[in-house]
Protein backbone atom coordinates (compact mmCIF):
# COMPACT_ATOMS: atom_id res chain seq x y z
CA UNK A 1 7.69 -20.92 14.05
CA UNK A 2 6.99 -18.88 10.93
CA UNK A 3 8.38 -15.43 10.29
CA UNK A 4 5.82 -12.61 10.60
CA UNK A 5 3.97 -11.78 7.37
CA UNK A 6 1.46 -9.22 6.15
CA UNK A 7 2.70 -5.97 7.70
CA UNK A 8 3.26 -3.83 4.61
CA UNK A 9 1.45 -2.63 1.50
CA UNK A 10 3.19 -2.99 -1.84
CA UNK A 11 2.63 -1.81 -5.40
CA UNK A 12 2.96 -4.46 -8.10
CA UNK A 13 3.72 -3.59 -11.72
CA UNK A 14 1.12 -5.46 -13.79
CA UNK A 15 3.61 -6.12 -16.58
CA UNK A 16 6.55 -8.04 -15.18
CA UNK A 17 5.32 -8.39 -11.60
CA UNK A 18 7.98 -6.17 -10.05
CA UNK A 19 7.09 -5.40 -6.42
CA UNK A 20 7.69 -1.95 -4.86
CA UNK A 21 7.16 -1.00 -1.19
CA UNK A 22 4.28 1.47 -0.82
CA UNK A 23 3.52 1.69 2.91
CA UNK A 24 6.01 0.18 5.37
CA UNK A 25 6.80 0.60 9.05
CA UNK A 26 9.73 2.78 10.05
CA UNK A 27 12.74 1.07 11.59
CA UNK A 28 12.62 -2.71 11.22
CA UNK A 29 11.05 -3.51 7.88
CA UNK A 30 10.79 -7.23 8.65
CA UNK A 31 8.20 -7.16 11.43
CA UNK A 32 4.72 -5.91 12.29
CA UNK A 33 4.31 -2.86 14.53
CA UNK A 34 3.62 -4.95 17.65
CA UNK A 35 7.12 -6.42 17.39
CA UNK A 36 8.96 -3.12 16.87
CA UNK A 37 7.40 -0.81 19.49
CA UNK A 38 7.38 1.84 16.77
CA UNK A 39 3.73 1.87 15.77
CA UNK A 40 2.44 1.34 12.26
CA UNK A 41 1.01 -1.46 10.19
CA UNK A 42 0.16 -4.76 11.82
CA UNK A 43 -1.89 -6.88 9.41
CA UNK A 44 -3.36 -4.87 6.52
CA UNK A 45 -6.09 -6.87 4.80
CA UNK A 46 -7.67 -4.46 2.29
CA UNK A 47 -6.78 -1.24 0.49
CA UNK A 48 -8.82 1.07 -1.71
CA UNK A 49 -8.37 4.55 -3.16
CA UNK A 50 -11.12 7.10 -2.63
CA UNK A 51 -12.99 8.25 -5.77
CA UNK A 52 -10.63 11.21 -6.27
CA UNK A 53 -7.55 8.95 -6.13
CA UNK A 54 -5.95 11.29 -3.59
CA UNK A 55 -6.32 9.10 -0.50
CA UNK A 56 -5.66 5.41 0.04
CA UNK A 57 -7.64 3.74 2.83
CA UNK A 58 -6.13 0.61 4.38
CA UNK A 59 -8.02 -1.73 6.69
CA UNK A 60 -5.58 -3.13 9.26
CA UNK A 61 -6.94 -6.19 11.08
CA UNK A 62 -4.63 -5.67 14.06
CA UNK A 63 -2.66 -8.00 16.29
CA UNK A 64 -3.04 -11.75 15.84
CA UNK A 65 -1.73 -13.89 18.69
CA UNK A 66 -0.96 -17.57 18.16
CA UNK A 67 -0.37 -20.42 20.58
CA UNK A 68 -0.79 -24.18 20.68
CA UNK A 69 -4.59 -23.82 20.80
CA UNK A 70 -4.84 -21.65 17.69
CA UNK A 71 -4.94 -18.05 16.50
CA UNK A 72 -6.51 -15.34 18.64
CA UNK A 73 -7.21 -11.79 17.41
CA UNK A 74 -6.38 -9.13 20.01
CA UNK A 75 -9.40 -6.91 20.67
CA UNK A 76 -9.32 -3.20 19.84
CA UNK A 77 -6.09 -3.37 17.81
CA UNK A 78 -7.54 -2.91 14.32
CA UNK A 79 -7.43 0.44 12.57
CA UNK A 80 -8.44 2.20 9.36
CA UNK A 81 -5.46 4.07 7.90
CA UNK A 82 -5.79 7.01 5.52
CA UNK A 83 -2.70 7.73 3.43
CA UNK A 84 -2.41 10.93 1.42
CA UNK A 85 0.41 12.55 -0.51
CA UNK A 86 2.12 15.43 1.25
CA UNK A 87 1.74 18.60 -0.78
CA UNK A 88 5.01 20.15 -1.96
CA UNK A 89 5.90 23.44 -0.32
């Protein structure tokens, strides 16, 4: 069985390829939200900033179940996340 993959969003430096976490689940950082009972990212598949650059939208496919007969997406588990920077006080 493979380890879970695809449950975080990272920032990659174009020069050098250094990878930095950008959006990760709280608690266990090595598992999707469905395995941690803490909510959060499951399987993000696309990310795009809005035209102002102030909000990042992430399409999260949701839960993918696998068994001997194949892979089965779980209905109604996908979500569109909007991430914005918290204004300083």
